[in-house]
Structure formats: C-alpha cells, structure tokens
Amino acid sequence: MTNTIAVESVQQMAARIRENVQKVIVGKDEAINLAIIAMLCRGHILVEDAPGIGKTTLAKALAQSLKCTFKRIQFTPDLMPTDVLGVNFYNQRTGDFQFRDGPIFSQMLLADEINRATPRTQSSLLEAMQERQATVDGETRPLPEPFLVMATQNPVEMEGTFPLPEAQLDRFLLRIRLGYPTPEEESDILLRFDRVSEPPEIDAVADAAELGEMQSLVSSVLVDDSIRLYIVDILQASRGNQALTLGASPRAGLALYKASQARAAIDGRDFVTPDDVKALAQSVLAHRLIVSSNARLRGRTAAQIVRELIAGIPVPIER
C-alpha cells in the first residue's frame, strides 16, 4: 500500500467517525478531531471543562462509533484502587480464588472527575495508561486493544479535589476543552434533542481491527528532518524558559511528533507541515508544563507560554 492510499484510508475512516459523532455532538469539530487524533496515536485524553458541556457524550459516541466496550468510573474520595483494577475473591463453591475484572478492563474508559479521587487511587491508572496492562496481587494482566482513557475534571470547582501528579499528566497525549456552544449551535441542540432526555445511541462505522490498522498506517506519514528539529527546538525552549519550573519531557516530544503525523493523515496528507506542529503544540504541551510562582502571580498561563514559545522559534521552510 502506497503512502497516498494509506493516508486516504485514514482520512476516510476519520471522516466517518467525525460525521457519526456529530449526530450527538453539535459542532465542536476541533475537539472531535483531537479525540480522533488521540485514538490514532493510541493516546489518552484529558478533558477540562464545566459540567453539562458534553464530555460523557463524546466518550460514549467514540466508543459506539468503533464498537468498543465502554465503562465509566465516577471518581470519588472513597474510591479504592481495587474499584478500578479489580479484585481476587474466594469462591466458596469452587474453593479457589478468582479474579473479578475492574472497569479498567474495557476498550474505552471514562474516568469522570478524576481529580476527586485520592493520589493512591489515581496512581492505579499509571501502569495501565503507559504499559497497557494492570497488575493485581502480583499478577499482570494485559488490557484489551484498543485501550483509551478519557479523563475529565472540572477546572472551576476545586474544593475537595486532589491535583493530578506530573507523572500522570504526562501520560495524557492531549488536553481538550469543548467550550460552550455558539448561539447557533445551542439553538440546534434545543431543536434536535427537545423530545429526548439523553442523546440517542449511534451505530458503529468502524471496528477495533480497522482502528488498529489505521494506527499502523499513521506512522508511515513522512516527517522531514527540519520538522523533527523544529519539534526538538520547541522542547528545548520549554526547558530553558524562566517562566517554567518544569519543561516538556521526551514523552511530550514523542506525543507531538505522533499527533502531527495523525493530523496530517486525517487532513489527507502523507507529510507533516509546521502548521500541524503549531496547531497541536498547546493541546499536547500545556498540561505537562509547570508555571513558576512568579509567572503565575503575573497572570501567565501554560497555554500562553506555549504560544510565546511557538512565536519565538523560526518556522522551517517547507520543501
């Protein structure tokens, strides 16, 4: 399969998923595209937004579009790691210990309000998100493929929450904000769902096997040496920035590299451009950076600093 044909296959599948999700999500093309990019990169998504925006609906729609198993965990302060991973229990009938799967053994996991759980429970996701396996009582079990965690947190209501540690934030490929709908989109929502209390289920337009094939094809998208060095320059600039106490990790660089390939593919190109990198830099990097206390006092944010980094680095000339 040539690069052009491979990219066309990825573009067509992405278009089918996007159109299908838009049956229950009005507008939000950019957020849906970012979610598709994360799936193509085998990455996880952190969604920060106010309640009622459509975070749960987006996760369910993606799972339904790919015929994936979907489970939801409502994170609370009393949630235990065994509630996430599963537990070994003694079966009196058989006289043996048996393992009962936790909700993490699903293809699409919605970790709702993840920052309301204690750090101990939050850390139960670390191995699963990075190595796609879970260890319970010394026994390691593989997770199903594809495996995607979509975690949500409310950026406004912070009382009773536990901030996500840097190690966990670094495992999220992208951070997405849905935002409030425009007046036109809100009017469409009222008309479309005025007779139903919940958005209807949608049919699958692809499956896990096809997604796995598309994930392999994305890696064939060409990244020129100049683009690779452009990404390196961005990473290095973040580590030397006086406004940051923690810059971008090597994992962040890999995430930006792979996400740029996926963005090019769903756009119908078999090569990455600087615009792909610039468009994704904020979603990939901002949540991984720690702003210094002095910069925070001046009102600067990680997203703003990423924009400044991009503006200050020369863009490679396309060949």
Protein backbone atom coordinates (compact mmCIF):
# COMPACT_ATOMS: atom_id res chain seq x y z
CA MET A 1 0.00 0.00 0.00
CA THR A 2 1.48 3.33 -1.05
CA ASN A 3 1.63 6.26 1.33
CA THR A 4 -1.07 8.14 -0.56
CA ILE A 5 -3.53 5.22 -0.45
CA ALA A 6 -2.74 4.63 3.25
CA VAL A 7 -3.42 8.26 4.11
CA GLU A 8 -6.68 8.21 2.15
CA SER A 9 -7.81 5.20 4.20
CA VAL A 10 -7.08 7.03 7.45
CA GLN A 11 -8.80 10.19 6.20
CA GLN A 12 -11.93 8.27 5.17
CA MET A 13 -12.21 6.44 8.50
CA ALA A 14 -11.70 9.69 10.43
CA ALA A 15 -14.40 11.38 8.35
CA ARG A 16 -16.86 8.54 9.08
CA ILE A 17 -16.20 8.74 12.82
CA ARG A 18 -16.46 12.55 12.83
CA GLU A 19 -19.80 12.55 10.99
CA ASN A 20 -21.13 9.82 13.27
CA VAL A 21 -20.13 11.59 16.49
CA GLN A 22 -21.71 14.81 15.20
CA LYS A 23 -25.09 13.09 15.31
CA VAL A 24 -25.00 13.56 19.08
CA ILE A 25 -22.38 16.34 19.47
CA VAL A 26 -23.35 19.60 17.79
CA GLY A 27 -20.36 21.47 16.35
CA LYS A 28 -17.04 21.03 18.20
CA ASP A 29 -15.20 19.89 15.05
CA GLU A 30 -11.80 20.72 16.52
CA ALA A 31 -12.41 18.77 19.75
CA ILE A 32 -13.70 15.76 17.81
CA ASN A 33 -10.67 15.88 15.52
CA LEU A 34 -8.35 15.98 18.53
CA ALA A 35 -10.10 12.95 20.03
CA ILE A 36 -9.68 11.05 16.74
CA ILE A 37 -6.01 12.06 16.62
CA ALA A 38 -5.54 10.66 20.15
CA MET A 39 -7.15 7.35 19.14
CA LEU A 40 -4.94 7.09 16.04
CA CYS A 41 -1.87 7.66 18.26
CA ARG A 42 -3.04 5.15 20.91
CA GLY A 43 -3.07 8.07 23.33
CA HIS A 44 -5.24 9.20 26.23
CA ILE A 45 -7.30 12.36 26.58
CA LEU A 46 -7.80 14.80 29.45
CA VAL A 47 -10.94 16.90 29.09
CA GLU A 48 -11.16 20.00 31.26
CA ASP A 49 -14.47 21.81 31.14
CA ALA A 50 -17.57 22.79 33.03
CA PRO A 51 -20.37 20.26 33.71
CA GLY A 52 -23.01 19.70 31.03
CA ILE A 53 -20.78 20.54 28.06
CA GLY A 54 -20.85 17.04 26.54
CA LYS A 55 -17.75 15.27 27.87
CA THR A 56 -19.52 11.99 28.67
CA THR A 57 -21.49 12.12 25.42
CA LEU A 58 -18.26 12.48 23.44
CA ALA A 59 -16.67 9.46 25.13
CA LYS A 60 -19.76 7.29 24.58
CA ALA A 61 -20.10 8.38 20.95
CA LEU A 62 -16.47 7.50 20.19
CA ALA A 63 -16.91 4.05 21.78
CA GLN A 64 -20.15 3.41 19.89
CA SER A 65 -18.62 4.56 16.60
CA LEU A 66 -15.87 1.95 16.93
CA LYS A 67 -18.00 -0.80 18.52
CA CYS A 68 -15.73 -0.68 21.57
CA THR A 69 -16.59 -1.74 25.10
CA PHE A 70 -17.27 1.31 27.25
CA LYS A 71 -17.14 1.68 31.03
CA ARG A 72 -17.35 4.67 33.30
CA ILE A 73 -15.83 5.25 36.73
CA GLN A 74 -17.15 8.06 38.89
CA PHE A 75 -14.05 9.09 40.85
CA THR A 76 -14.77 9.99 44.48
CA PRO A 77 -12.57 10.42 47.58
CA ASP A 78 -13.55 6.95 48.89
CA LEU A 79 -12.80 5.13 45.61
CA MET A 80 -10.17 2.41 46.09
CA PRO A 81 -7.62 1.03 43.58
CA THR A 82 -9.46 -2.31 43.63
CA ASP A 83 -12.59 -0.48 42.44
CA VAL A 84 -10.61 0.45 39.32
CA LEU A 85 -8.41 -2.59 38.70
CA GLY A 86 -10.46 -5.46 40.07
CA VAL A 87 -10.05 -7.86 42.98
CA ASN A 88 -9.27 -11.50 43.75
CA PHE A 89 -12.08 -13.09 45.78
CA TYR A 90 -12.57 -16.50 47.32
CA ASN A 91 -15.23 -18.58 45.58
CA GLN A 92 -16.75 -20.85 48.22
CA ARG A 93 -18.33 -23.12 45.60
CA THR A 94 -15.08 -23.92 43.80
CA GLY A 95 -12.73 -23.42 46.74
CA ASP A 96 -10.43 -21.23 44.63
CA PHE A 97 -9.57 -17.59 44.37
CA GLN A 98 -11.00 -15.93 41.25
CA PHE A 99 -10.31 -12.57 39.68
CA ARG A 100 -13.17 -10.16 39.09
CA ASP A 101 -12.27 -7.61 36.41
CA GLY A 102 -12.44 -3.95 37.29
CA PRO A 103 -13.81 -1.36 34.85
CA ILE A 104 -10.28 -0.68 33.58
CA PHE A 105 -10.57 -3.87 31.52
CA SER A 106 -12.51 -2.12 28.78
CA GLN A 107 -11.51 -0.56 25.48
CA MET A 108 -12.85 2.91 26.27
CA LEU A 109 -12.69 4.04 29.89
CA LEU A 110 -14.27 7.28 31.08
CA ALA A 111 -12.58 8.43 34.30
CA ASP A 112 -15.13 11.03 35.37
CA GLU A 113 -13.84 13.83 37.64
CA ILE A 114 -10.54 12.00 38.07
CA ASN A 115 -9.13 14.66 40.40
CA ARG A 116 -11.72 13.85 43.10
CA ALA A 117 -10.01 10.54 43.93
CA THR A 118 -7.03 10.26 46.27
CA PRO A 119 -3.50 10.10 44.82
CA ARG A 120 -3.36 6.39 45.71
CA THR A 121 -6.35 5.65 43.50
CA GLN A 122 -5.19 7.99 40.75
CA SER A 123 -1.86 6.15 40.62
CA SER A 124 -3.66 2.87 39.89
CA LEU A 125 -4.04 4.15 36.31
CA LEU A 126 -0.34 4.86 35.73
CA GLU A 127 0.71 1.37 34.65
CA ALA A 128 -2.42 0.89 32.54
CA MET A 129 -2.01 4.19 30.68
CA GLN A 130 1.66 3.66 29.84
CA GLU A 131 2.12 -0.11 29.51
CA ARG A 132 -1.48 -1.17 28.74
CA GLN A 133 -1.51 -3.76 31.48
CA ALA A 134 -2.70 -3.96 35.07
CA THR A 135 -1.03 -5.73 37.99
CA VAL A 136 -3.22 -7.03 40.84
CA ASP A 137 -1.75 -9.08 43.69
CA GLY A 138 1.47 -9.62 41.77
CA GLU A 139 -0.19 -10.93 38.60
CA THR A 140 -0.02 -8.81 35.45
CA ARG A 141 -2.90 -8.92 33.00
CA PRO A 142 -2.97 -7.29 29.55
CA LEU A 143 -5.65 -4.74 28.74
CA PRO A 144 -7.82 -5.00 25.62
CA GLU A 145 -6.89 -3.25 22.39
CA PRO A 146 -7.59 -0.50 21.66
CA PHE A 147 -7.36 0.96 25.16
CA LEU A 148 -8.12 4.64 25.66
CA VAL A 149 -8.67 6.60 28.88
CA MET A 150 -10.71 9.76 28.63
CA ALA A 151 -10.48 11.57 31.97
CA THR A 152 -12.50 14.63 32.89
CA GLN A 153 -12.06 17.29 35.52
CA ASN A 154 -13.92 20.46 36.37
CA PRO A 155 -11.46 23.40 36.27
CA VAL A 156 -13.80 25.65 38.27
CA GLU A 157 -14.85 23.62 41.32
CA MET A 158 -11.57 22.69 43.03
CA GLU A 159 -12.82 22.12 46.60
CA GLY A 160 -12.26 18.53 47.73
CA THR A 161 -10.03 17.65 44.79
CA PHE A 162 -6.51 16.25 44.52
CA PRO A 163 -4.35 17.75 41.75
CA LEU A 164 -3.11 15.19 39.24
CA PRO A 165 0.62 14.45 39.69
CA GLU A 166 3.01 15.37 36.89
CA ALA A 167 3.67 11.70 36.12
CA GLN A 168 0.00 11.17 35.35
CA LEU A 169 -0.50 14.42 33.42
CA ASP A 170 2.45 13.42 31.23
CA ARG A 171 0.61 10.24 30.24
CA PHE A 172 -2.24 12.15 28.62
CA LEU A 173 -1.47 12.70 24.95
CA LEU A 174 -3.83 15.69 24.64
CA ARG A 175 -5.83 18.05 26.78
CA ILE A 176 -9.11 19.10 25.20
CA ARG A 177 -11.58 21.84 26.05
CA LEU A 178 -15.03 21.62 24.47
CA GLY A 179 -16.24 25.07 25.47
CA TYR A 180 -19.76 26.45 25.37
CA PRO A 181 -21.67 26.19 22.08
CA THR A 182 -22.28 29.20 19.86
CA PRO A 183 -25.85 30.63 19.80
CA GLU A 184 -26.50 28.80 16.52
CA GLU A 185 -25.19 25.51 17.91
CA GLU A 186 -27.21 25.90 21.12
CA SER A 187 -30.37 26.52 19.12
CA ASP A 188 -29.63 23.36 17.11
CA ILE A 189 -29.17 21.39 20.36
CA LEU A 190 -32.56 22.53 21.67
CA LEU A 191 -34.29 21.58 18.42
CA ARG A 192 -32.50 18.27 17.97
CA PHE A 193 -32.92 16.90 21.50
CA ASP A 194 -36.12 18.58 22.69
CA ARG A 195 -38.03 15.27 22.86
CA VAL A 196 -35.34 13.07 24.44
CA SER A 197 -33.67 13.23 27.84
CA GLU A 198 -30.45 11.59 26.64
CA PRO A 199 -28.73 11.65 23.24
CA PRO A 200 -29.65 8.53 21.21
CA GLU A 201 -27.20 5.69 20.62
CA ILE A 202 -25.41 5.70 17.29
CA ASP A 203 -24.33 2.83 15.06
CA ALA A 204 -20.73 1.73 14.64
CA VAL A 205 -18.95 2.95 11.50
CA ALA A 206 -15.67 1.10 12.12
CA ASP A 207 -14.29 -1.52 14.50
CA ALA A 208 -11.27 -2.15 16.68
CA ALA A 209 -9.47 -4.13 13.97
CA GLU A 210 -9.81 -1.30 11.44
CA LEU A 211 -8.65 1.23 14.01
CA GLY A 212 -5.58 -0.91 14.73
CA GLU A 213 -4.76 -0.98 11.02
CA MET A 214 -5.15 2.80 10.74
CA GLN A 215 -2.91 3.30 13.79
CA SER A 216 -0.16 1.40 11.98
CA LEU A 217 -0.63 3.44 8.79
CA VAL A 218 -0.29 6.78 10.60
CA SER A 219 3.34 6.03 11.44
CA SER A 220 4.14 5.97 7.69
CA VAL A 221 3.39 9.71 7.35
CA LEU A 222 6.62 11.49 6.41
CA VAL A 223 8.25 13.82 8.94
CA ASP A 224 11.05 15.83 7.35
CA ASP A 225 14.27 16.36 9.29
CA SER A 226 13.51 20.08 9.50
CA ILE A 227 10.14 19.35 11.17
CA ARG A 228 11.75 16.93 13.60
CA LEU A 229 14.33 19.53 14.58
CA TYR A 230 11.55 22.13 14.87
CA ILE A 231 9.87 19.91 17.49
CA VAL A 232 13.21 19.50 19.29
CA ASP A 233 13.67 23.29 19.35
CA ILE A 234 10.23 23.70 20.97
CA LEU A 235 11.05 21.12 23.65
CA GLN A 236 14.42 22.66 24.39
CA ALA A 237 12.93 26.15 24.58
CA SER A 238 10.40 24.98 27.18
CA ARG A 239 13.16 23.57 29.38
CA GLY A 240 15.12 26.81 29.35
CA ASN A 241 12.19 29.16 29.85
CA GLN A 242 12.40 31.26 33.03
CA ALA A 243 8.62 31.23 33.42
CA LEU A 244 8.55 27.43 33.78
CA THR A 245 9.80 25.24 36.61
CA LEU A 246 9.15 22.08 34.58
CA GLY A 247 9.55 21.91 30.82
CA ALA A 248 8.34 19.36 28.29
CA SER A 249 9.51 15.76 28.70
CA PRO A 250 10.82 13.46 25.94
CA ARG A 251 7.43 11.72 26.12
CA ALA A 252 5.85 15.07 25.27
CA GLY A 253 8.09 15.32 22.21
CA LEU A 254 7.03 11.86 21.02
CA ALA A 255 3.39 12.82 21.59
CA LEU A 256 3.76 15.99 19.49
CA TYR A 257 5.60 14.04 16.75
CA LYS A 258 2.95 11.29 16.52
CA ALA A 259 -0.01 13.64 16.87
CA SER A 260 1.36 15.74 14.00
CA GLN A 261 1.50 12.61 11.83
CA ALA A 262 -2.11 11.78 12.71
CA ARG A 263 -3.30 15.33 12.00
CA ALA A 264 -1.64 15.26 8.60
CA ALA A 265 -3.25 11.90 7.81
CA ILE A 266 -6.81 12.92 8.68
CA ASP A 267 -6.22 16.04 6.58
CA GLY A 268 -5.34 13.82 3.60
CA ARG A 269 -1.58 14.48 3.53
CA ASP A 270 1.26 11.96 3.69
CA PHE A 271 3.68 14.52 5.12
CA VAL A 272 3.75 16.76 8.20
CA THR A 273 3.92 20.54 7.90
CA PRO A 274 4.94 23.13 10.51
CA ASP A 275 1.27 24.09 10.78
CA ASP A 276 0.48 20.60 12.12
CA VAL A 277 3.02 21.07 14.90
CA LYS A 278 1.85 24.61 15.71
CA ALA A 279 -1.82 23.60 15.77
CA LEU A 280 -1.20 20.78 18.25
CA ALA A 281 1.51 22.28 20.46
CA GLN A 282 -0.85 23.81 23.02
CA SER A 283 -3.06 20.71 23.37
CA VAL A 284 -0.03 18.42 23.69
CA LEU A 285 2.30 20.50 25.85
CA ALA A 286 0.40 22.96 28.08
CA HIS A 287 -0.89 20.45 30.64
CA ARG A 288 2.60 18.95 31.06
CA LEU A 289 4.29 22.23 31.99
CA ILE A 290 4.55 23.77 35.47
CA VAL A 291 4.43 27.56 35.55
CA SER A 292 6.72 29.25 38.09
CA SER A 293 5.14 31.04 41.04
CA ASN A 294 6.38 34.43 39.80
CA ALA A 295 4.85 33.88 36.37
CA ARG A 296 1.55 32.77 37.92
CA LEU A 297 1.44 35.93 40.03
CA ARG A 298 1.73 37.93 36.81
CA GLY A 299 -1.27 36.05 35.42
CA ARG A 300 0.61 33.97 32.88
CA THR A 301 -0.67 30.50 31.99
CA ALA A 302 0.96 27.42 30.48
CA ALA A 303 -1.09 27.83 27.30
CA GLN A 304 0.07 31.43 26.92
CA ILE A 305 3.71 30.41 27.41
CA VAL A 306 3.40 27.68 24.77
CA ARG A 307 2.08 30.27 22.31
CA GLU A 308 5.05 32.51 23.13
CA LEU A 309 7.48 29.61 22.60
CA ILE A 310 5.99 28.86 19.19
CA ALA A 311 6.10 32.54 18.19
CA GLY A 312 9.76 32.81 19.15
CA ILE A 313 11.07 29.81 17.21
CA PRO A 314 11.80 30.16 13.47
CA VAL A 315 9.47 28.04 11.36
CA PRO A 316 11.26 25.68 8.97
CA ILE A 317 10.76 26.44 5.29
CA GLU A 318 8.69 23.78 3.55
CA ARG A 319 10.45 21.92 0.79
